[in-house]
């Protein structure tokens, strides 16, 4: 076997040293890096007033319609607000109305992600009219639906990849107040 030329020997040894140094450098930089700050310390969890044993609503839902918008449009306040109750992709805001149960005096916001979003709501028992960017329940098409239309106002807005459906008790928000509320839906 022939001895290596000095230039090749230097090139081979420096290549070998570089190849060994890269994993050592990566190991060293990962072990000495500062640990990431915990998420809780970076952004404290939002506090809310819950209704019953309910949980706080997801910000993914309340960004479309929050309680402050309900206060402004429907004449409610912290004094009449009983609390919020979360469900999957839903937030129920409960309000105190004299002589009524808190379970029935709600404004419900449902905002799911959807692959296909209808431009307007379809319901065989109700008709809708468009007010601005939102569809509002207008008339019942059957006697059974008449009770629902008279006790709750439905609002529907289509978005890109989602829709927002609001069902407001007429004891919390009159129909005219619900139409004002529709302007706050995002």
N, C-alpha and C. Protein backbone atom coordinates (compact mmCIF):
# COMPACT_ATOMS: atom_id res chain seq x y z
N UNK A 1 0.83 -1.16 0.00
CA UNK A 1 0.00 0.00 0.00
C UNK A 1 0.89 1.25 0.00
N UNK A 2 0.49 2.22 -0.82
CA UNK A 2 1.27 3.44 -0.94
C UNK A 2 0.92 4.41 0.16
N UNK A 3 1.87 5.17 0.66
CA UNK A 3 1.55 6.19 1.65
C UNK A 3 0.79 7.34 0.99
N UNK A 4 -0.08 7.97 1.77
CA UNK A 4 -0.90 9.08 1.26
C UNK A 4 -0.04 10.33 1.15
N UNK A 5 -0.37 11.14 0.15
CA UNK A 5 0.30 12.43 0.01
C UNK A 5 -0.12 13.30 1.18
N UNK A 6 0.74 14.22 1.60
CA UNK A 6 0.40 15.07 2.75
C UNK A 6 -0.87 15.89 2.52
N UNK A 7 -1.11 16.36 1.29
CA UNK A 7 -2.31 17.17 1.05
C UNK A 7 -3.58 16.32 1.18
N UNK A 8 -3.52 15.10 0.72
CA UNK A 8 -4.69 14.21 0.85
C UNK A 8 -4.89 13.80 2.29
N UNK A 9 -3.81 13.59 2.99
CA UNK A 9 -3.89 13.22 4.39
C UNK A 9 -4.57 14.36 5.19
N UNK A 10 -4.20 15.59 4.90
CA UNK A 10 -4.80 16.74 5.59
C UNK A 10 -6.28 16.87 5.23
N UNK A 11 -6.60 16.68 3.95
CA UNK A 11 -7.99 16.78 3.51
C UNK A 11 -8.84 15.68 4.14
N UNK A 12 -8.35 14.47 4.16
CA UNK A 12 -9.09 13.34 4.73
C UNK A 12 -9.28 13.53 6.24
N UNK A 13 -8.23 13.93 6.92
CA UNK A 13 -8.37 14.09 8.37
C UNK A 13 -9.28 15.26 8.72
N UNK A 14 -9.24 16.37 7.95
CA UNK A 14 -10.13 17.49 8.25
C UNK A 14 -11.58 17.13 7.94
N UNK A 15 -11.82 16.34 6.89
CA UNK A 15 -13.17 15.88 6.58
C UNK A 15 -13.70 14.98 7.69
N UNK A 16 -12.83 14.10 8.20
CA UNK A 16 -13.22 13.21 9.30
C UNK A 16 -13.53 14.03 10.56
N UNK A 17 -12.73 15.00 10.86
CA UNK A 17 -12.95 15.83 12.04
C UNK A 17 -14.26 16.61 11.90
N UNK A 18 -14.53 17.17 10.72
CA UNK A 18 -15.77 17.92 10.49
C UNK A 18 -16.99 17.02 10.64
N UNK A 19 -16.88 15.79 10.11
CA UNK A 19 -18.00 14.85 10.20
C UNK A 19 -18.30 14.48 11.65
N UNK A 20 -17.28 14.39 12.47
CA UNK A 20 -17.48 14.08 13.89
C UNK A 20 -17.93 15.31 14.68
N UNK A 21 -17.55 16.48 14.23
CA UNK A 21 -17.87 17.72 14.96
C UNK A 21 -19.34 18.11 14.80
N UNK A 22 -19.94 17.83 13.66
CA UNK A 22 -21.33 18.24 13.42
C UNK A 22 -22.28 17.60 14.42
N UNK A 23 -22.27 16.27 14.63
CA UNK A 23 -23.18 15.71 15.64
C UNK A 23 -22.88 16.22 17.05
N UNK A 24 -21.59 16.44 17.35
CA UNK A 24 -21.25 16.95 18.69
C UNK A 24 -21.79 18.38 18.85
N UNK A 25 -21.71 19.20 17.81
CA UNK A 25 -22.22 20.57 17.87
C UNK A 25 -23.74 20.58 18.04
N UNK A 26 -24.42 19.73 17.28
CA UNK A 26 -25.89 19.64 17.39
C UNK A 26 -26.29 19.20 18.79
N UNK A 27 -25.60 18.18 19.33
CA UNK A 27 -25.91 17.70 20.67
C UNK A 27 -25.69 18.80 21.69
N UNK A 28 -24.57 19.52 21.56
CA UNK A 28 -24.24 20.57 22.51
C UNK A 28 -25.26 21.70 22.45
N UNK A 29 -25.68 22.11 21.25
CA UNK A 29 -26.62 23.24 21.14
C UNK A 29 -28.00 22.87 21.66
N UNK A 30 -28.40 21.61 21.54
CA UNK A 30 -29.71 21.23 22.04
C UNK A 30 -29.71 21.06 23.55
N UNK A 31 -28.60 20.63 24.12
CA UNK A 31 -28.59 20.42 25.57
C UNK A 31 -28.43 21.72 26.33
N UNK A 32 -27.80 22.73 25.73
CA UNK A 32 -27.57 23.99 26.43
C UNK A 32 -28.60 25.07 26.10
N UNK A 33 -29.53 24.76 25.23
CA UNK A 33 -30.54 25.76 24.89
C UNK A 33 -31.47 25.98 26.08
N UNK A 34 -31.94 27.19 26.22
CA UNK A 34 -32.85 27.50 27.32
C UNK A 34 -34.18 26.79 27.10
N UNK A 35 -34.78 26.24 28.14
CA UNK A 35 -36.07 25.56 27.96
C UNK A 35 -37.14 26.58 27.57
N UNK A 36 -38.11 26.17 26.72
CA UNK A 36 -39.16 27.11 26.33
C UNK A 36 -40.02 27.48 27.53
N UNK A 37 -40.50 28.70 27.52
CA UNK A 37 -41.35 29.17 28.61
C UNK A 37 -42.68 28.44 28.55
N UNK A 38 -43.24 28.05 29.69
CA UNK A 38 -44.53 27.36 29.66
C UNK A 38 -45.62 28.28 29.10
N UNK A 39 -46.56 27.69 28.39
CA UNK A 39 -47.62 28.45 27.73
C UNK A 39 -48.46 29.21 28.76
N UNK A 40 -48.67 28.62 29.91
CA UNK A 40 -49.51 29.27 30.92
C UNK A 40 -48.88 30.57 31.42
N UNK A 41 -47.56 30.60 31.49
CA UNK A 41 -46.89 31.81 31.96
C UNK A 41 -46.92 32.89 30.89
N UNK A 42 -46.88 32.48 29.62
CA UNK A 42 -46.88 33.45 28.54
C UNK A 42 -48.23 34.14 28.40
N UNK A 43 -49.29 33.37 28.47
CA UNK A 43 -50.63 33.95 28.34
C UNK A 43 -51.53 33.33 29.40
N UNK A 44 -51.90 34.07 30.41
CA UNK A 44 -52.76 33.50 31.44
C UNK A 44 -54.12 33.11 30.88
N UNK A 45 -54.66 32.05 31.41
CA UNK A 45 -55.96 31.56 30.95
C UNK A 45 -57.04 32.60 31.25
N UNK A 46 -57.91 32.78 30.30
CA UNK A 46 -59.00 33.75 30.47
C UNK A 46 -59.98 33.23 31.51
N UNK A 47 -60.41 34.11 32.38
CA UNK A 47 -61.38 33.74 33.39
C UNK A 47 -62.77 34.07 32.85
N UNK A 48 -63.72 33.28 33.21
CA UNK A 48 -65.08 33.55 32.78
C UNK A 48 -66.03 33.16 33.90
N UNK A 49 -67.23 33.61 33.77
CA UNK A 49 -68.29 33.25 34.71
C UNK A 49 -69.06 32.11 34.05
N UNK A 50 -69.01 30.93 34.65
CA UNK A 50 -69.67 29.78 34.06
C UNK A 50 -71.07 29.60 34.63
N UNK A 51 -71.91 28.98 33.84
CA UNK A 51 -73.28 28.69 34.25
C UNK A 51 -73.33 27.26 34.74
N UNK A 52 -73.77 27.05 35.97
CA UNK A 52 -73.85 25.70 36.53
C UNK A 52 -72.47 25.07 36.57
N UNK A 53 -72.39 23.83 36.14
CA UNK A 53 -71.12 23.12 36.11
C UNK A 53 -70.44 23.26 34.75
N UNK A 54 -70.90 24.21 33.96
CA UNK A 54 -70.35 24.40 32.62
C UNK A 54 -68.92 24.87 32.61
N UNK A 55 -68.33 24.85 31.43
CA UNK A 55 -66.95 25.29 31.23
C UNK A 55 -66.95 26.59 30.45
N UNK A 56 -65.83 27.29 30.47
CA UNK A 56 -65.68 28.51 29.68
C UNK A 56 -65.75 28.17 28.19
N UNK A 57 -66.33 29.07 27.43
CA UNK A 57 -66.46 28.86 25.99
C UNK A 57 -65.12 29.02 25.29
N UNK A 58 -64.98 28.34 24.19
CA UNK A 58 -63.76 28.41 23.40
C UNK A 58 -63.66 29.77 22.71
N UNK A 59 -62.48 30.36 22.70
CA UNK A 59 -62.29 31.62 21.96
C UNK A 59 -62.58 31.46 20.47
N UNK A 60 -62.46 30.23 19.96
CA UNK A 60 -62.77 29.98 18.55
C UNK A 60 -64.25 30.25 18.25
N UNK A 61 -65.10 30.11 19.25
CA UNK A 61 -66.53 30.38 19.08
C UNK A 61 -66.83 31.84 19.41
N UNK A 62 -66.31 32.31 20.54
CA UNK A 62 -66.65 33.67 20.98
C UNK A 62 -66.04 34.76 20.12
N UNK A 63 -65.06 34.43 19.28
CA UNK A 63 -64.54 35.46 18.38
C UNK A 63 -65.58 35.84 17.34
N UNK A 64 -66.54 34.97 17.09
CA UNK A 64 -67.61 35.26 16.11
C UNK A 64 -68.72 36.11 16.73
N UNK A 65 -68.97 35.93 18.01
CA UNK A 65 -69.97 36.73 18.72
C UNK A 65 -69.70 36.58 20.22
N UNK A 66 -69.41 37.69 20.89
CA UNK A 66 -69.09 37.62 22.32
C UNK A 66 -70.19 38.24 23.17
N UNK A 67 -70.07 38.06 24.47
CA UNK A 67 -71.14 38.53 25.37
C UNK A 67 -71.26 40.05 25.36
N UNK A 68 -70.17 40.77 25.13
CA UNK A 68 -70.24 42.22 25.09
C UNK A 68 -71.13 42.70 23.95
N UNK A 69 -71.07 42.00 22.82
CA UNK A 69 -71.94 42.34 21.68
C UNK A 69 -73.40 42.07 22.03
N UNK A 70 -73.64 41.01 22.79
CA UNK A 70 -75.00 40.70 23.24
C UNK A 70 -75.48 41.78 24.21
N UNK A 71 -74.61 42.19 25.13
CA UNK A 71 -74.96 43.27 26.06
C UNK A 71 -75.39 44.51 25.27
N UNK A 72 -74.58 44.90 24.29
CA UNK A 72 -74.84 46.14 23.54
C UNK A 72 -76.12 46.06 22.72
N UNK A 73 -76.34 44.94 22.04
CA UNK A 73 -77.50 44.84 21.15
C UNK A 73 -78.80 44.52 21.89
N UNK A 74 -78.72 43.74 22.96
CA UNK A 74 -79.92 43.23 23.62
C UNK A 74 -80.24 43.92 24.94
N UNK A 75 -79.45 44.89 25.32
CA UNK A 75 -79.73 45.61 26.56
C UNK A 75 -79.43 44.81 27.81
N UNK A 76 -78.54 43.85 27.72
CA UNK A 76 -78.17 43.05 28.90
C UNK A 76 -76.92 43.63 29.53
N UNK A 77 -76.52 43.08 30.69
CA UNK A 77 -75.35 43.58 31.40
C UNK A 77 -74.78 42.48 32.29
N UNK A 78 -73.68 42.81 32.98
CA UNK A 78 -73.11 41.85 33.93
C UNK A 78 -74.13 41.50 35.03
N UNK A 79 -75.02 42.43 35.33
CA UNK A 79 -76.02 42.20 36.37
C UNK A 79 -77.02 41.11 35.97
N UNK A 80 -77.33 40.98 34.68
CA UNK A 80 -78.30 39.96 34.24
C UNK A 80 -77.61 38.73 33.66
N UNK A 81 -76.31 38.80 33.48
CA UNK A 81 -75.57 37.67 32.91
C UNK A 81 -75.36 36.59 33.97
N UNK A 82 -75.89 35.40 33.72
CA UNK A 82 -75.77 34.29 34.67
C UNK A 82 -74.50 33.48 34.44
N UNK A 83 -73.98 33.49 33.22
CA UNK A 83 -72.76 32.75 32.92
C UNK A 83 -72.81 32.13 31.54
N UNK A 84 -71.66 31.57 31.16
CA UNK A 84 -71.57 30.90 29.86
C UNK A 84 -71.36 29.41 30.07
N UNK A 85 -71.73 28.67 29.05
CA UNK A 85 -71.64 27.21 29.11
C UNK A 85 -71.17 26.72 27.76
N UNK A 86 -70.03 26.03 27.75
CA UNK A 86 -69.45 25.56 26.50
C UNK A 86 -69.95 24.17 26.14
N UNK A 87 -70.08 23.95 24.86
CA UNK A 87 -70.33 22.63 24.29
C UNK A 87 -69.47 22.58 23.03
N UNK A 88 -69.46 21.47 22.34
CA UNK A 88 -68.61 21.35 21.15
C UNK A 88 -69.00 22.41 20.11
N UNK A 89 -68.04 23.28 19.80
CA UNK A 89 -68.21 24.34 18.80
C UNK A 89 -69.39 25.27 19.12
N UNK A 90 -69.82 25.29 20.38
CA UNK A 90 -71.00 26.05 20.80
C UNK A 90 -70.72 26.80 22.09
N UNK A 91 -71.35 27.95 22.22
CA UNK A 91 -71.32 28.70 23.47
C UNK A 91 -72.74 29.15 23.79
N UNK A 92 -73.19 28.82 24.98
CA UNK A 92 -74.50 29.26 25.46
C UNK A 92 -74.29 30.35 26.50
N UNK A 93 -74.82 31.53 26.21
CA UNK A 93 -74.78 32.64 27.17
C UNK A 93 -76.14 32.68 27.86
N UNK A 94 -76.13 32.53 29.19
CA UNK A 94 -77.37 32.48 29.97
C UNK A 94 -77.62 33.84 30.64
N UNK A 95 -78.89 34.27 30.60
CA UNK A 95 -79.25 35.56 31.18
C UNK A 95 -80.43 35.39 32.13
N UNK A 96 -80.49 36.26 33.12
CA UNK A 96 -81.57 36.26 34.10
C UNK A 96 -82.72 37.12 33.56
N UNK A 97 -83.87 36.49 33.46
CA UNK A 97 -85.09 37.19 33.07
C UNK A 97 -86.11 36.88 34.16
N UNK A 98 -86.72 37.90 34.76
CA UNK A 98 -87.67 37.66 35.86
C UNK A 98 -88.77 36.66 35.47
N UNK A 99 -88.94 35.68 36.34
CA UNK A 99 -89.99 34.67 36.14
C UNK A 99 -89.62 33.57 35.16
N UNK A 100 -88.39 33.54 34.67
CA UNK A 100 -87.97 32.52 33.69
C UNK A 100 -86.78 31.73 34.21
N UNK A 101 -86.61 30.52 33.68
CA UNK A 101 -85.46 29.67 34.03
C UNK A 101 -84.26 30.07 33.18
N UNK A 102 -83.09 30.07 33.80
CA UNK A 102 -81.86 30.42 33.10
C UNK A 102 -81.52 29.49 31.95
N UNK A 103 -82.02 28.24 32.02
CA UNK A 103 -81.77 27.29 30.92
C UNK A 103 -82.50 27.68 29.65
N UNK A 104 -83.55 28.46 29.78
CA UNK A 104 -84.37 28.82 28.63
C UNK A 104 -84.09 30.22 28.10
N UNK A 105 -83.39 31.03 28.87
CA UNK A 105 -83.13 32.41 28.46
C UNK A 105 -81.66 32.53 28.05
N UNK A 106 -81.39 32.04 26.86
CA UNK A 106 -80.02 31.96 26.36
C UNK A 106 -79.87 32.62 25.00
N UNK A 107 -78.63 32.91 24.70
CA UNK A 107 -78.22 33.23 23.34
C UNK A 107 -77.16 32.19 23.02
N UNK A 108 -77.46 31.34 22.06
CA UNK A 108 -76.57 30.25 21.71
C UNK A 108 -75.82 30.59 20.43
N UNK A 109 -74.50 30.42 20.45
CA UNK A 109 -73.66 30.67 19.28
C UNK A 109 -73.02 29.34 18.89
N UNK A 110 -73.25 28.94 17.65
CA UNK A 110 -72.69 27.69 17.11
C UNK A 110 -71.84 28.07 15.92
N UNK A 111 -70.54 27.76 15.98
CA UNK A 111 -69.61 28.17 14.92
C UNK A 111 -68.65 27.03 14.58
N UNK A 112 -69.12 26.04 13.81
CA UNK A 112 -68.24 24.93 13.44
C UNK A 112 -67.45 25.21 12.17
N UNK A 113 -66.33 24.55 12.06
CA UNK A 113 -65.61 24.55 10.78
C UNK A 113 -66.38 23.61 9.86
N UNK A 114 -66.44 23.93 8.58
CA UNK A 114 -67.19 23.10 7.64
C UNK A 114 -66.51 23.13 6.28
N UNK A 115 -66.46 21.97 5.62
CA UNK A 115 -65.88 21.91 4.28
C UNK A 115 -66.80 22.59 3.28
N UNK A 116 -68.07 22.29 3.38
CA UNK A 116 -69.06 22.90 2.49
C UNK A 116 -69.98 23.78 3.33
N UNK A 117 -70.05 25.04 2.97
CA UNK A 117 -70.85 26.00 3.71
C UNK A 117 -71.99 26.47 2.80
N UNK A 118 -73.21 26.34 3.30
CA UNK A 118 -74.37 26.81 2.54
C UNK A 118 -74.42 28.33 2.57
N UNK A 119 -74.80 28.94 1.44
CA UNK A 119 -74.92 30.39 1.37
C UNK A 119 -76.04 30.91 2.27
N UNK A 120 -77.10 30.10 2.38
CA UNK A 120 -78.21 30.49 3.25
C UNK A 120 -78.75 29.23 3.92
N UNK A 121 -79.42 29.41 5.06
CA UNK A 121 -79.92 28.24 5.78
C UNK A 121 -81.09 27.60 5.04
N UNK A 122 -81.20 26.30 5.22
CA UNK A 122 -82.35 25.59 4.64
C UNK A 122 -83.08 24.89 5.78
N UNK A 123 -84.35 25.16 5.88
CA UNK A 123 -85.17 24.53 6.91
C UNK A 123 -86.57 24.40 6.33
N UNK A 124 -87.11 23.19 6.27
CA UNK A 124 -88.43 23.01 5.66
C UNK A 124 -89.57 23.62 6.48
N UNK A 125 -89.29 24.00 7.74
CA UNK A 125 -90.35 24.49 8.61
C UNK A 125 -90.33 26.01 8.82
N UNK A 126 -89.29 26.69 8.31
CA UNK A 126 -89.15 28.14 8.51
C UNK A 126 -88.65 28.80 7.24
N UNK A 127 -89.03 30.06 7.09
CA UNK A 127 -88.46 30.85 6.00
C UNK A 127 -87.52 31.89 6.62
N UNK A 128 -86.58 32.36 5.83
CA UNK A 128 -85.57 33.30 6.29
C UNK A 128 -85.55 34.51 5.38
N UNK A 129 -85.12 35.64 5.93
CA UNK A 129 -84.92 36.83 5.11
C UNK A 129 -83.51 37.34 5.39
N UNK A 130 -82.91 37.94 4.37
CA UNK A 130 -81.54 38.43 4.52
C UNK A 130 -81.57 39.87 5.02
N UNK A 131 -80.79 40.11 6.08
CA UNK A 131 -80.64 41.44 6.65
C UNK A 131 -79.13 41.70 6.71
N UNK A 132 -78.63 42.55 5.83
CA UNK A 132 -77.19 42.77 5.75
C UNK A 132 -76.50 41.50 5.28
N UNK A 133 -75.54 41.02 6.04
CA UNK A 133 -74.80 39.81 5.68
C UNK A 133 -75.36 38.56 6.34
N UNK A 134 -76.44 38.70 7.12
CA UNK A 134 -76.96 37.61 7.93
C UNK A 134 -78.39 37.27 7.53
N UNK A 135 -78.71 35.97 7.57
CA UNK A 135 -80.08 35.50 7.35
C UNK A 135 -80.78 35.41 8.70
N UNK A 136 -82.02 35.88 8.76
CA UNK A 136 -82.81 35.93 10.00
C UNK A 136 -84.08 35.12 9.80
N UNK A 137 -84.48 34.34 10.83
CA UNK A 137 -85.75 33.61 10.73
C UNK A 137 -86.88 34.62 10.52
N UNK A 138 -87.78 34.28 9.60
CA UNK A 138 -88.85 35.21 9.25
C UNK A 138 -90.21 34.67 9.66
N UNK A 139 -90.60 33.56 9.07
CA UNK A 139 -91.94 33.00 9.32
C UNK A 139 -91.87 31.50 9.48
N UNK A 140 -92.83 30.99 10.24
CA UNK A 140 -92.97 29.55 10.39
C UNK A 140 -93.81 29.02 9.24
N UNK A 141 -93.46 27.84 8.76
CA UNK A 141 -94.22 27.21 7.67
C UNK A 141 -95.16 26.13 8.18
N UNK A 142 -95.14 25.90 9.50
CA UNK A 142 -96.05 24.90 10.09
C UNK A 142 -96.43 25.37 11.49
N UNK A 143 -97.54 24.87 12.01
CA UNK A 143 -97.97 25.27 13.36
C UNK A 143 -96.94 24.87 14.44
N UNK A 144 -96.29 23.73 14.26
CA UNK A 144 -95.30 23.30 15.26
C UNK A 144 -94.10 24.24 15.27
N UNK A 145 -93.70 24.73 14.11
CA UNK A 145 -92.55 25.64 14.03
C UNK A 145 -92.90 27.03 14.52
N UNK A 146 -94.18 27.37 14.53
CA UNK A 146 -94.60 28.71 14.97
C UNK A 146 -94.17 28.98 16.41
N UNK A 147 -94.26 27.99 17.28
CA UNK A 147 -93.85 28.17 18.67
C UNK A 147 -92.35 28.46 18.76
N UNK A 148 -91.57 27.78 17.96
CA UNK A 148 -90.13 28.00 17.97
C UNK A 148 -89.77 29.38 17.41
N UNK A 149 -90.40 29.76 16.32
CA UNK A 149 -90.12 31.06 15.71
C UNK A 149 -90.53 32.20 16.64
N UNK A 150 -91.61 32.00 17.39
CA UNK A 150 -92.05 33.07 18.29
C UNK A 150 -91.21 33.16 19.57
N UNK A 151 -90.53 32.05 19.95
CA UNK A 151 -89.76 32.07 21.19
C UNK A 151 -88.26 32.28 20.99
N UNK A 152 -87.76 32.08 19.76
CA UNK A 152 -86.33 32.23 19.49
C UNK A 152 -86.15 32.88 18.12
N UNK A 153 -85.12 33.70 18.00
CA UNK A 153 -84.78 34.28 16.71
C UNK A 153 -83.50 33.60 16.24
N UNK A 154 -83.54 33.09 15.02
CA UNK A 154 -82.37 32.43 14.46
C UNK A 154 -81.63 33.37 13.53
N UNK A 155 -80.30 33.35 13.62
CA UNK A 155 -79.43 34.14 12.74
C UNK A 155 -78.43 33.18 12.11
N UNK A 156 -78.09 33.41 10.85
CA UNK A 156 -77.15 32.53 10.15
C UNK A 156 -76.25 33.37 9.25
N UNK A 157 -74.94 33.15 9.37
CA UNK A 157 -74.00 33.81 8.49
C UNK A 157 -72.99 32.79 7.98
N UNK A 158 -72.80 32.77 6.67
CA UNK A 158 -71.83 31.87 6.05
C UNK A 158 -70.47 32.56 6.00
N UNK A 159 -69.43 31.82 6.29
CA UNK A 159 -68.06 32.30 6.18
C UNK A 159 -67.28 31.36 5.27
N UNK A 160 -66.00 31.58 5.14
CA UNK A 160 -65.15 30.69 4.35
C UNK A 160 -64.62 29.58 5.25
N UNK A 161 -65.11 28.38 5.06
CA UNK A 161 -64.69 27.25 5.87
C UNK A 161 -65.40 27.15 7.21
N UNK A 162 -66.39 27.97 7.43
CA UNK A 162 -67.17 27.93 8.68
C UNK A 162 -68.50 28.64 8.44
N UNK A 163 -69.41 28.46 9.40
CA UNK A 163 -70.63 29.27 9.43
C UNK A 163 -70.93 29.57 10.89
N UNK A 164 -71.74 30.60 11.10
CA UNK A 164 -72.14 30.97 12.46
C UNK A 164 -73.66 30.93 12.51
N UNK A 165 -74.18 30.20 13.48
CA UNK A 165 -75.61 30.10 13.69
C UNK A 165 -75.89 30.57 15.12
N UNK A 166 -76.80 31.52 15.25
CA UNK A 166 -77.14 32.06 16.56
C UNK A 166 -78.62 31.81 16.79
N UNK A 167 -78.96 31.36 17.99
CA UNK A 167 -80.35 31.17 18.39
C UNK A 167 -80.55 31.97 19.67
N UNK A 168 -81.30 33.06 19.55
CA UNK A 168 -81.49 33.97 20.69
C UNK A 168 -82.91 33.89 21.21
N UNK A 169 -83.04 33.69 22.52
CA UNK A 169 -84.35 33.70 23.15
C UNK A 169 -84.95 35.09 22.99
N UNK A 170 -86.22 35.15 22.60
CA UNK A 170 -86.88 36.46 22.44
C UNK A 170 -87.11 37.13 23.79
N UNK A 171 -86.92 36.38 24.88
CA UNK A 171 -87.02 36.98 26.21
C UNK A 171 -85.73 37.71 26.59
N UNK A 172 -84.64 37.37 25.92
CA UNK A 172 -83.36 38.05 26.13
C UNK A 172 -83.17 39.13 25.07
N UNK A 173 -83.43 38.77 23.84
CA UNK A 173 -83.25 39.66 22.69
C UNK A 173 -84.55 39.68 21.89
N UNK A 174 -85.20 40.82 21.77
CA UNK A 174 -86.38 40.89 20.91
C UNK A 174 -85.92 40.67 19.46
N UNK A 175 -86.85 40.48 18.57
CA UNK A 175 -86.48 40.26 17.17
C UNK A 175 -85.69 41.45 16.62
N UNK A 176 -86.11 42.68 16.93
CA UNK A 176 -85.38 43.87 16.47
C UNK A 176 -83.98 43.93 17.09
N UNK A 177 -83.87 43.58 18.37
CA UNK A 177 -82.55 43.55 19.01
C UNK A 177 -81.67 42.48 18.38
N UNK A 178 -82.26 41.33 18.03
CA UNK A 178 -81.49 40.26 17.38
C UNK A 178 -80.99 40.71 16.01
N UNK A 179 -81.80 41.49 15.30
CA UNK A 179 -81.35 42.02 14.01
C UNK A 179 -80.16 42.96 14.23
N UNK A 180 -80.19 43.77 15.30
CA UNK A 180 -79.03 44.60 15.65
C UNK A 180 -77.84 43.74 16.03
N UNK A 181 -78.10 42.65 16.74
CA UNK A 181 -77.05 41.72 17.13
C UNK A 181 -76.37 41.10 15.91
N UNK A 182 -77.14 40.89 14.85
CA UNK A 182 -76.59 40.27 13.64
C UNK A 182 -75.44 41.08 13.05
N UNK A 183 -75.42 42.38 13.29
CA UNK A 183 -74.34 43.24 12.77
C UNK A 183 -73.00 42.94 13.45
N UNK A 184 -73.04 42.34 14.64
CA UNK A 184 -71.81 42.05 15.38
C UNK A 184 -71.22 40.68 15.06
N UNK A 185 -71.95 39.86 14.30
CA UNK A 185 -71.45 38.52 13.97
C UNK A 185 -70.29 38.65 13.01
N UNK A 186 -69.21 37.92 13.33
CA UNK A 186 -68.00 37.95 12.49
C UNK A 186 -67.78 36.59 11.86
